[in-house]
Amino acid sequence: MSYLSKSINFLFFFLSKRIHMNIRHFFSFLISKFYSNKVNEKLIAFGSTYGHAFSGNSKDIYLYLMKNSDYHCVWFSSSKKILNNLEKKGYHAISNRNIFESIKVLKAAKYIFITHGFGDVLLVDFSPDTVIVHLDHGSAIKRIGTALDESFLNFFQKIVHNFWNKKISYLTVC
């Protein structure tokens, strides 16, 4: 397979994955408008690495609170392996691909901890009473979604980033 065809295959895979994720987030956001904004003060949602890993600052806070508090903590993941491992250990985990259950939990969560962005959990119309903490996954403050070049796709992406970044209540830094 030539370098050009490998590049085209990778580009197609990357774009189809991005488009699929954006469509899922768009519909989950619309559907979530029909759910109640009643918040459960003891419910905390966690996610990391766009649902592909159980790692980072979210993982550490999740495990600490599971062992040392009476909060109901829920981990969001798109990985069946991660979900099965957490459930075997007695932890509560939800597939962020299960849109209706995810929306129900996220709309009711008082706190949401993320490391990479809203793709860590699922993009919904969060309650105004929900506190969203972006723990980040590095040590530097980044220009999240704003340092993109000036193409049409990136122009649209910047608008989306600016809208959602305003929903973040706290951003942790070193």
N, C-alpha and C. Protein backbone atom coordinates (compact mmCIF):
# COMPACT_ATOMS: atom_id res chain seq x y z
N MET A 1 0.84 -1.17 0.00
CA MET A 1 0.00 0.00 0.00
C MET A 1 0.90 1.24 0.00
N SER A 2 0.62 2.17 -0.85
CA SER A 2 1.45 3.36 -1.00
C SER A 2 1.23 4.31 0.17
N TYR A 3 2.18 5.22 0.29
CA TYR A 3 2.09 6.23 1.33
C TYR A 3 0.83 7.08 1.15
N LEU A 4 0.51 7.43 -0.10
CA LEU A 4 -0.66 8.25 -0.39
C LEU A 4 -1.95 7.54 0.02
N SER A 5 -2.08 6.25 -0.32
CA SER A 5 -3.30 5.53 0.04
C SER A 5 -3.40 5.33 1.56
N LYS A 6 -2.25 5.13 2.23
CA LYS A 6 -2.27 5.03 3.70
C LYS A 6 -2.73 6.35 4.31
N SER A 7 -2.25 7.45 3.76
CA SER A 7 -2.63 8.78 4.25
C SER A 7 -4.11 9.03 4.04
N ILE A 8 -4.62 8.65 2.87
CA ILE A 8 -6.04 8.85 2.57
C ILE A 8 -6.90 7.98 3.50
N ASN A 9 -6.48 6.73 3.72
CA ASN A 9 -7.21 5.85 4.64
C ASN A 9 -7.25 6.43 6.05
N PHE A 10 -6.10 6.93 6.50
CA PHE A 10 -6.04 7.52 7.84
C PHE A 10 -6.94 8.74 7.92
N LEU A 11 -6.89 9.60 6.91
CA LEU A 11 -7.72 10.81 6.89
C LEU A 11 -9.20 10.45 6.91
N PHE A 12 -9.60 9.46 6.11
CA PHE A 12 -10.99 9.02 6.09
C PHE A 12 -11.42 8.49 7.46
N PHE A 13 -10.56 7.66 8.07
CA PHE A 13 -10.84 7.10 9.39
C PHE A 13 -10.99 8.22 10.41
N PHE A 14 -10.05 9.17 10.40
CA PHE A 14 -10.06 10.29 11.35
C PHE A 14 -11.33 11.12 11.19
N LEU A 15 -11.66 11.50 9.95
CA LEU A 15 -12.83 12.32 9.70
C LEU A 15 -14.12 11.59 10.05
N SER A 16 -14.23 10.31 9.69
CA SER A 16 -15.46 9.57 10.00
C SER A 16 -15.64 9.43 11.49
N LYS A 17 -14.55 9.23 12.23
CA LYS A 17 -14.63 9.12 13.68
C LYS A 17 -15.06 10.46 14.29
N ARG A 18 -14.49 11.57 13.80
CA ARG A 18 -14.85 12.91 14.29
C ARG A 18 -16.31 13.23 13.96
N ILE A 19 -16.74 12.92 12.75
CA ILE A 19 -18.11 13.21 12.34
C ILE A 19 -19.09 12.40 13.17
N HIS A 20 -18.78 11.12 13.37
CA HIS A 20 -19.64 10.25 14.19
C HIS A 20 -19.75 10.79 15.60
N MET A 21 -18.62 11.19 16.19
CA MET A 21 -18.63 11.72 17.55
C MET A 21 -19.45 13.01 17.62
N ASN A 22 -19.26 13.89 16.65
CA ASN A 22 -19.98 15.16 16.65
C ASN A 22 -21.49 14.95 16.47
N ILE A 23 -21.88 14.01 15.63
CA ILE A 23 -23.31 13.71 15.44
C ILE A 23 -23.91 13.17 16.73
N ARG A 24 -23.19 12.26 17.39
CA ARG A 24 -23.66 11.69 18.66
C ARG A 24 -23.82 12.79 19.71
N HIS A 25 -22.84 13.68 19.81
CA HIS A 25 -22.92 14.78 20.77
C HIS A 25 -24.06 15.74 20.43
N PHE A 26 -24.25 16.01 19.16
CA PHE A 26 -25.32 16.92 18.73
C PHE A 26 -26.68 16.36 19.14
N PHE A 27 -26.92 15.06 18.87
CA PHE A 27 -28.21 14.46 19.22
C PHE A 27 -28.37 14.32 20.73
N SER A 28 -27.31 13.98 21.44
CA SER A 28 -27.43 13.87 22.90
C SER A 28 -27.75 15.24 23.51
N PHE A 29 -27.16 16.29 22.96
CA PHE A 29 -27.46 17.64 23.45
C PHE A 29 -28.93 17.98 23.21
N LEU A 30 -29.44 17.70 22.01
CA LEU A 30 -30.84 17.99 21.71
C LEU A 30 -31.79 17.17 22.58
N ILE A 31 -31.53 15.89 22.70
CA ILE A 31 -32.38 15.01 23.51
C ILE A 31 -32.37 15.45 24.97
N SER A 32 -31.21 15.88 25.46
CA SER A 32 -31.10 16.24 26.87
C SER A 32 -31.95 17.46 27.24
N LYS A 33 -32.35 18.24 26.27
CA LYS A 33 -33.21 19.40 26.53
C LYS A 33 -34.56 18.97 27.12
N PHE A 34 -34.96 17.72 26.88
CA PHE A 34 -36.24 17.21 27.35
C PHE A 34 -36.16 16.55 28.72
N TYR A 35 -34.97 16.51 29.32
CA TYR A 35 -34.78 15.91 30.64
C TYR A 35 -34.83 16.99 31.71
N SER A 36 -35.14 16.58 32.91
CA SER A 36 -35.22 17.49 34.05
C SER A 36 -33.84 18.04 34.41
N ASN A 37 -33.82 19.25 34.95
CA ASN A 37 -32.58 19.86 35.43
C ASN A 37 -32.40 19.67 36.94
N LYS A 38 -33.18 18.76 37.54
CA LYS A 38 -33.08 18.54 38.98
C LYS A 38 -31.77 17.82 39.28
N VAL A 39 -30.95 18.45 40.13
CA VAL A 39 -29.62 17.95 40.44
C VAL A 39 -29.62 17.16 41.74
N ASN A 40 -28.90 16.04 41.75
CA ASN A 40 -28.69 15.22 42.94
C ASN A 40 -27.36 15.66 43.55
N GLU A 41 -27.41 16.25 44.73
CA GLU A 41 -26.22 16.80 45.38
C GLU A 41 -25.12 15.76 45.65
N LYS A 42 -25.48 14.48 45.66
CA LYS A 42 -24.53 13.41 45.98
C LYS A 42 -24.03 12.65 44.74
N LEU A 43 -24.37 13.14 43.55
CA LEU A 43 -24.00 12.44 42.31
C LEU A 43 -22.86 13.15 41.62
N ILE A 44 -21.77 12.40 41.33
CA ILE A 44 -20.61 12.95 40.64
C ILE A 44 -20.29 12.07 39.44
N ALA A 45 -20.09 12.69 38.27
CA ALA A 45 -19.73 11.97 37.05
C ALA A 45 -18.26 12.24 36.72
N PHE A 46 -17.60 11.20 36.18
CA PHE A 46 -16.18 11.29 35.84
C PHE A 46 -15.94 10.72 34.45
N GLY A 47 -14.94 11.24 33.78
CA GLY A 47 -14.50 10.67 32.51
C GLY A 47 -13.10 11.14 32.18
N SER A 48 -12.47 10.44 31.25
CA SER A 48 -11.11 10.78 30.85
C SER A 48 -10.84 10.28 29.44
N THR A 49 -9.97 10.95 28.75
CA THR A 49 -9.43 10.50 27.46
C THR A 49 -10.53 10.12 26.47
N TYR A 50 -11.55 10.95 26.39
CA TYR A 50 -12.68 10.74 25.46
C TYR A 50 -13.35 9.38 25.65
N GLY A 51 -13.30 8.88 26.88
CA GLY A 51 -13.96 7.61 27.20
C GLY A 51 -13.14 6.38 26.88
N HIS A 52 -11.89 6.57 26.44
CA HIS A 52 -11.07 5.44 26.00
C HIS A 52 -10.13 4.90 27.08
N ALA A 53 -10.09 5.55 28.25
CA ALA A 53 -9.15 5.10 29.28
C ALA A 53 -9.71 5.35 30.67
N PHE A 54 -9.21 4.59 31.60
CA PHE A 54 -9.47 4.82 33.03
C PHE A 54 -8.15 5.31 33.59
N SER A 55 -7.94 6.63 33.50
CA SER A 55 -6.63 7.17 33.83
C SER A 55 -6.72 8.64 34.22
N GLY A 56 -5.58 9.17 34.61
CA GLY A 56 -5.44 10.59 34.83
C GLY A 56 -6.00 11.07 36.16
N ASN A 57 -6.12 12.38 36.24
CA ASN A 57 -6.60 13.02 37.47
C ASN A 57 -8.02 12.60 37.82
N SER A 58 -8.87 12.41 36.80
CA SER A 58 -10.24 11.96 37.06
C SER A 58 -10.25 10.61 37.76
N LYS A 59 -9.42 9.70 37.30
CA LYS A 59 -9.35 8.36 37.90
C LYS A 59 -8.97 8.46 39.38
N ASP A 60 -7.95 9.25 39.68
CA ASP A 60 -7.49 9.34 41.07
C ASP A 60 -8.56 9.92 41.99
N ILE A 61 -9.24 10.96 41.54
CA ILE A 61 -10.31 11.55 42.36
C ILE A 61 -11.47 10.58 42.49
N TYR A 62 -11.82 9.90 41.39
CA TYR A 62 -12.90 8.90 41.40
C TYR A 62 -12.61 7.81 42.44
N LEU A 63 -11.42 7.22 42.38
CA LEU A 63 -11.07 6.14 43.31
C LEU A 63 -11.04 6.64 44.75
N TYR A 64 -10.51 7.83 44.98
CA TYR A 64 -10.47 8.39 46.33
C TYR A 64 -11.89 8.57 46.88
N LEU A 65 -12.77 9.18 46.09
CA LEU A 65 -14.13 9.42 46.57
C LEU A 65 -14.93 8.13 46.73
N MET A 66 -14.67 7.14 45.88
CA MET A 66 -15.36 5.85 46.01
C MET A 66 -15.02 5.20 47.35
N LYS A 67 -13.78 5.37 47.81
CA LYS A 67 -13.35 4.72 49.04
C LYS A 67 -13.57 5.58 50.29
N ASN A 68 -13.64 6.89 50.13
CA ASN A 68 -13.61 7.77 51.30
C ASN A 68 -14.78 8.74 51.42
N SER A 69 -15.85 8.52 50.68
CA SER A 69 -16.98 9.44 50.78
C SER A 69 -18.29 8.70 50.58
N ASP A 70 -19.37 9.41 50.81
CA ASP A 70 -20.69 8.82 50.56
C ASP A 70 -21.30 9.35 49.25
N TYR A 71 -20.46 9.96 48.40
CA TYR A 71 -20.94 10.40 47.09
C TYR A 71 -21.20 9.19 46.20
N HIS A 72 -22.17 9.32 45.32
CA HIS A 72 -22.42 8.30 44.30
C HIS A 72 -21.61 8.71 43.07
N CYS A 73 -20.53 7.99 42.81
CA CYS A 73 -19.61 8.32 41.73
C CYS A 73 -19.83 7.39 40.54
N VAL A 74 -19.88 7.97 39.35
CA VAL A 74 -20.13 7.20 38.13
C VAL A 74 -19.03 7.51 37.13
N TRP A 75 -18.39 6.45 36.61
CA TRP A 75 -17.35 6.60 35.59
C TRP A 75 -17.97 6.39 34.21
N PHE A 76 -17.66 7.27 33.27
CA PHE A 76 -18.14 7.16 31.90
C PHE A 76 -17.02 6.65 31.00
N SER A 77 -17.35 5.67 30.17
CA SER A 77 -16.36 5.12 29.25
C SER A 77 -17.04 4.57 28.00
N SER A 78 -16.30 4.53 26.92
CA SER A 78 -16.80 3.90 25.70
C SER A 78 -16.17 2.53 25.51
N SER A 79 -15.33 2.11 26.45
CA SER A 79 -14.62 0.84 26.36
C SER A 79 -15.33 -0.24 27.18
N LYS A 80 -15.73 -1.32 26.51
CA LYS A 80 -16.38 -2.44 27.21
C LYS A 80 -15.44 -3.05 28.24
N LYS A 81 -14.16 -3.12 27.90
CA LYS A 81 -13.16 -3.70 28.81
C LYS A 81 -13.07 -2.90 30.11
N ILE A 82 -13.02 -1.57 29.99
CA ILE A 82 -12.96 -0.70 31.18
C ILE A 82 -14.23 -0.84 31.99
N LEU A 83 -15.38 -0.82 31.32
CA LEU A 83 -16.67 -0.95 32.02
C LEU A 83 -16.74 -2.26 32.79
N ASN A 84 -16.34 -3.36 32.14
CA ASN A 84 -16.37 -4.67 32.80
C ASN A 84 -15.42 -4.72 34.00
N ASN A 85 -14.20 -4.18 33.84
CA ASN A 85 -13.23 -4.18 34.94
C ASN A 85 -13.75 -3.38 36.14
N LEU A 86 -14.34 -2.24 35.88
CA LEU A 86 -14.87 -1.42 36.99
C LEU A 86 -16.05 -2.10 37.67
N GLU A 87 -16.94 -2.69 36.88
CA GLU A 87 -18.10 -3.37 37.47
C GLU A 87 -17.68 -4.59 38.29
N LYS A 88 -16.63 -5.31 37.85
CA LYS A 88 -16.13 -6.46 38.61
C LYS A 88 -15.61 -6.02 39.97
N LYS A 89 -15.06 -4.81 40.06
CA LYS A 89 -14.54 -4.28 41.32
C LYS A 89 -15.63 -3.63 42.17
N GLY A 90 -16.87 -3.63 41.66
CA GLY A 90 -17.98 -3.07 42.41
C GLY A 90 -18.17 -1.57 42.21
N TYR A 91 -17.50 -1.00 41.23
CA TYR A 91 -17.64 0.43 40.94
C TYR A 91 -18.76 0.65 39.93
N HIS A 92 -19.36 1.83 39.99
CA HIS A 92 -20.44 2.16 39.07
C HIS A 92 -19.86 2.81 37.82
N ALA A 93 -20.13 2.22 36.67
CA ALA A 93 -19.64 2.74 35.39
C ALA A 93 -20.75 2.66 34.35
N ILE A 94 -20.76 3.63 33.44
CA ILE A 94 -21.78 3.70 32.38
C ILE A 94 -21.10 3.87 31.04
N SER A 95 -21.63 3.21 30.05
CA SER A 95 -21.14 3.41 28.69
C SER A 95 -21.67 4.74 28.16
N ASN A 96 -20.77 5.61 27.74
CA ASN A 96 -21.23 6.89 27.20
C ASN A 96 -21.86 6.71 25.81
N ARG A 97 -21.89 5.48 25.33
CA ARG A 97 -22.60 5.17 24.09
C ARG A 97 -24.09 4.89 24.37
N ASN A 98 -24.41 4.63 25.63
CA ASN A 98 -25.80 4.46 26.05
C ASN A 98 -26.35 5.87 26.32
N ILE A 99 -26.81 6.50 25.27
CA ILE A 99 -27.15 7.92 25.31
C ILE A 99 -28.20 8.25 26.36
N PHE A 100 -29.28 7.50 26.44
CA PHE A 100 -30.36 7.85 27.35
C PHE A 100 -29.96 7.72 28.81
N GLU A 101 -29.27 6.65 29.17
CA GLU A 101 -28.81 6.50 30.55
C GLU A 101 -27.76 7.56 30.88
N SER A 102 -26.87 7.83 29.93
CA SER A 102 -25.83 8.85 30.14
C SER A 102 -26.44 10.22 30.37
N ILE A 103 -27.41 10.59 29.55
CA ILE A 103 -28.06 11.89 29.70
C ILE A 103 -28.73 11.99 31.07
N LYS A 104 -29.42 10.94 31.46
CA LYS A 104 -30.12 10.94 32.76
C LYS A 104 -29.14 11.21 33.91
N VAL A 105 -27.99 10.54 33.89
CA VAL A 105 -27.00 10.71 34.95
C VAL A 105 -26.34 12.09 34.86
N LEU A 106 -25.95 12.51 33.67
CA LEU A 106 -25.25 13.79 33.52
C LEU A 106 -26.14 14.99 33.85
N LYS A 107 -27.41 14.90 33.53
CA LYS A 107 -28.33 16.00 33.86
C LYS A 107 -28.56 16.08 35.36
N ALA A 108 -28.41 14.97 36.07
CA ALA A 108 -28.64 14.94 37.51
C ALA A 108 -27.37 15.16 38.32
N ALA A 109 -26.20 15.08 37.69
CA ALA A 109 -24.93 15.18 38.42
C ALA A 109 -24.71 16.59 38.96
N LYS A 110 -24.30 16.68 40.21
CA LYS A 110 -23.95 17.97 40.80
C LYS A 110 -22.56 18.39 40.33
N TYR A 111 -21.66 17.41 40.20
CA TYR A 111 -20.29 17.69 39.77
C TYR A 111 -19.93 16.77 38.61
N ILE A 112 -19.14 17.31 37.69
CA ILE A 112 -18.62 16.51 36.58
C ILE A 112 -17.13 16.82 36.46
N PHE A 113 -16.31 15.78 36.50
CA PHE A 113 -14.86 15.92 36.37
C PHE A 113 -14.42 15.35 35.03
N ILE A 114 -13.72 16.15 34.23
CA ILE A 114 -13.22 15.73 32.92
C ILE A 114 -11.75 16.09 32.80
N THR A 115 -11.03 15.41 31.88
CA THR A 115 -9.61 15.70 31.68
C THR A 115 -9.30 16.22 30.27
N HIS A 116 -10.04 15.77 29.27
CA HIS A 116 -9.73 16.14 27.89
C HIS A 116 -10.81 17.02 27.25
N GLY A 117 -11.99 17.00 27.79
CA GLY A 117 -13.10 17.76 27.23
C GLY A 117 -14.40 17.01 27.46
N PHE A 118 -15.47 17.55 26.90
CA PHE A 118 -16.78 16.95 27.14
C PHE A 118 -16.94 15.59 26.48
N GLY A 119 -16.06 15.24 25.57
CA GLY A 119 -16.06 13.90 24.98
C GLY A 119 -15.70 12.82 26.00
N ASP A 120 -15.15 13.23 27.15
CA ASP A 120 -14.85 12.26 28.22
C ASP A 120 -16.12 11.63 28.76
N VAL A 121 -17.20 12.39 28.75
CA VAL A 121 -18.49 11.90 29.26
C VAL A 121 -19.46 11.84 28.08
N LEU A 122 -20.26 12.83 27.92
CA LEU A 122 -21.15 12.99 26.77
C LEU A 122 -21.63 14.43 26.81
N LEU A 123 -21.78 15.02 25.69
CA LEU A 123 -22.18 16.41 25.61
C LEU A 123 -23.70 16.51 25.78
N VAL A 124 -24.13 17.17 26.86
CA VAL A 124 -25.56 17.36 27.10
C VAL A 124 -25.80 18.81 27.49
N ASP A 125 -27.04 19.18 27.58
CA ASP A 125 -27.43 20.50 28.07
C ASP A 125 -27.40 20.42 29.60
N PHE A 126 -26.24 20.65 30.17
CA PHE A 126 -26.05 20.48 31.61
C PHE A 126 -26.93 21.44 32.40
N SER A 127 -27.32 21.00 33.57
CA SER A 127 -28.11 21.84 34.47
C SER A 127 -27.27 23.06 34.87
N PRO A 128 -27.90 24.21 35.05
CA PRO A 128 -27.14 25.38 35.52
C PRO A 128 -26.55 25.18 36.91
N ASP A 129 -27.08 24.20 37.66
CA ASP A 129 -26.57 23.92 39.01
C ASP A 129 -25.41 22.94 39.02
N THR A 130 -25.05 22.41 37.86
CA THR A 130 -23.95 21.45 37.76
C THR A 130 -22.62 22.20 37.72
N VAL A 131 -21.67 21.71 38.49
CA VAL A 131 -20.32 22.28 38.52
C VAL A 131 -19.42 21.38 37.68
N ILE A 132 -18.82 21.97 36.64
CA ILE A 132 -17.97 21.19 35.74
C ILE A 132 -16.52 21.58 36.00
N VAL A 133 -15.70 20.58 36.34
CA VAL A 133 -14.29 20.80 36.66
C VAL A 133 -13.44 20.14 35.58
N HIS A 134 -12.69 20.96 34.87
CA HIS A 134 -11.77 20.45 33.84
C HIS A 134 -10.41 20.29 34.51
N LEU A 135 -10.04 19.03 34.77
CA LEU A 135 -8.80 18.74 35.49
C LEU A 135 -7.58 18.83 34.59
N ASP A 136 -7.81 18.80 33.29
CA ASP A 136 -6.75 18.78 32.28
C ASP A 136 -5.94 17.50 32.42
N HIS A 137 -5.01 17.32 31.53
CA HIS A 137 -4.21 16.09 31.53
C HIS A 137 -2.74 16.43 31.37
N GLY A 138 -2.38 17.66 31.64
CA GLY A 138 -0.99 18.09 31.55
C GLY A 138 -0.74 19.19 32.55
N SER A 139 0.38 19.85 32.42
CA SER A 139 0.71 20.87 33.41
C SER A 139 0.62 22.29 32.87
N ALA A 140 0.50 22.45 31.57
CA ALA A 140 0.46 23.80 31.00
C ALA A 140 -0.97 24.22 30.69
N ILE A 141 -1.24 25.52 30.81
CA ILE A 141 -2.53 26.04 30.36
C ILE A 141 -2.45 26.11 28.85
N LYS A 142 -3.46 25.54 28.21
CA LYS A 142 -3.45 25.47 26.74
C LYS A 142 -4.50 26.39 26.17
N ARG A 143 -4.32 26.71 24.92
CA ARG A 143 -5.32 27.49 24.19
C ARG A 143 -6.28 26.48 23.58
N ILE A 144 -7.07 25.84 24.40
CA ILE A 144 -7.92 24.73 24.01
C ILE A 144 -8.83 25.12 22.86
N GLY A 145 -8.59 24.50 21.70
CA GLY A 145 -9.45 24.71 20.54
C GLY A 145 -9.31 26.06 19.88
N THR A 146 -8.37 26.90 20.34
CA THR A 146 -8.27 28.24 19.75
C THR A 146 -7.05 28.41 18.86
N ALA A 147 -6.13 27.48 18.89
CA ALA A 147 -4.90 27.61 18.11
C ALA A 147 -4.98 26.87 16.77
N LEU A 148 -6.18 26.66 16.27
CA LEU A 148 -6.37 25.95 15.01
C LEU A 148 -6.14 26.89 13.84
N ASP A 149 -5.65 26.35 12.72
CA ASP A 149 -5.46 27.20 11.55
C ASP A 149 -6.81 27.64 10.98
N GLU A 150 -6.79 28.54 10.02
CA GLU A 150 -8.01 29.20 9.55
C GLU A 150 -8.71 28.47 8.41
N SER A 151 -9.03 27.21 8.54
CA SER A 151 -9.83 26.50 7.54
C SER A 151 -11.30 26.56 7.95
N PHE A 152 -12.19 26.20 7.02
CA PHE A 152 -13.63 26.24 7.33
C PHE A 152 -13.97 25.29 8.47
N LEU A 153 -13.44 24.04 8.41
CA LEU A 153 -13.72 23.07 9.48
C LEU A 153 -13.24 23.58 10.83
N ASN A 154 -12.06 24.16 10.86
CA ASN A 154 -11.52 24.68 12.11
C ASN A 154 -12.28 25.91 12.59
N PHE A 155 -12.79 26.72 11.67
CA PHE A 155 -13.62 27.87 12.05
C PHE A 155 -14.84 27.38 12.82
N PHE A 156 -15.51 26.35 12.30
CA PHE A 156 -16.67 25.76 12.96
C PHE A 156 -16.26 25.18 14.31
N GLN A 157 -15.13 24.46 14.34
CA GLN A 157 -14.65 23.83 15.57
C GLN A 157 -14.36 24.88 16.64
N LYS A 158 -13.80 26.04 16.25
CA LYS A 158 -13.51 27.11 17.21
C LYS A 158 -14.80 27.64 17.85
N ILE A 159 -15.84 27.79 17.05
CA ILE A 159 -17.13 28.26 17.58
C ILE A 159 -17.65 27.27 18.62
N VAL A 160 -17.59 25.98 18.28
CA VAL A 160 -18.04 24.93 19.21
C VAL A 160 -17.21 24.96 20.49
N HIS A 161 -15.88 25.01 20.36
CA HIS A 161 -15.01 25.06 21.55
C HIS A 161 -15.32 26.27 22.42
N ASN A 162 -15.46 27.44 21.80
CA ASN A 162 -15.74 28.64 22.58
C ASN A 162 -17.06 28.53 23.35
N PHE A 163 -18.08 27.96 22.71
CA PHE A 163 -19.37 27.78 23.36
C PHE A 163 -19.24 26.85 24.56
N TRP A 164 -18.62 25.69 24.38
CA TRP A 164 -18.55 24.70 25.45
C TRP A 164 -17.55 25.06 26.53
N ASN A 165 -16.46 25.74 26.16
CA ASN A 165 -15.49 26.13 27.19
C ASN A 165 -16.11 27.08 28.20
N LYS A 166 -17.13 27.83 27.82
CA LYS A 166 -17.82 28.72 28.75
C LYS A 166 -18.64 27.94 29.78
N LYS A 167 -18.91 26.67 29.52
CA LYS A 167 -19.69 25.83 30.45
C LYS A 167 -18.81 25.31 31.60
N ILE A 168 -17.50 25.37 31.43
CA ILE A 168 -16.59 24.85 32.46
C ILE A 168 -16.57 25.80 33.64
N SER A 169 -16.82 25.26 34.84
CA SER A 169 -16.86 26.07 36.06
C SER A 169 -15.46 26.35 36.60
N TYR A 170 -14.61 25.31 36.58
CA TYR A 170 -13.25 25.41 37.12
C TYR A 170 -12.28 24.69 36.21
N LEU A 171 -11.07 25.23 36.12
CA LEU A 171 -9.97 24.62 35.39
C LEU A 171 -8.80 24.55 36.35
N THR A 172 -8.29 23.35 36.60
CA THR A 172 -7.17 23.21 37.53
C THR A 172 -5.84 23.42 36.79
N VAL A 173 -4.89 23.99 37.48
CA VAL A 173 -3.54 24.19 36.93
C VAL A 173 -2.52 23.89 38.01
N CYS A 174 -1.31 23.62 37.58
CA CYS A 174 -0.21 23.38 38.55
C CYS A 174 0.28 24.69 39.12
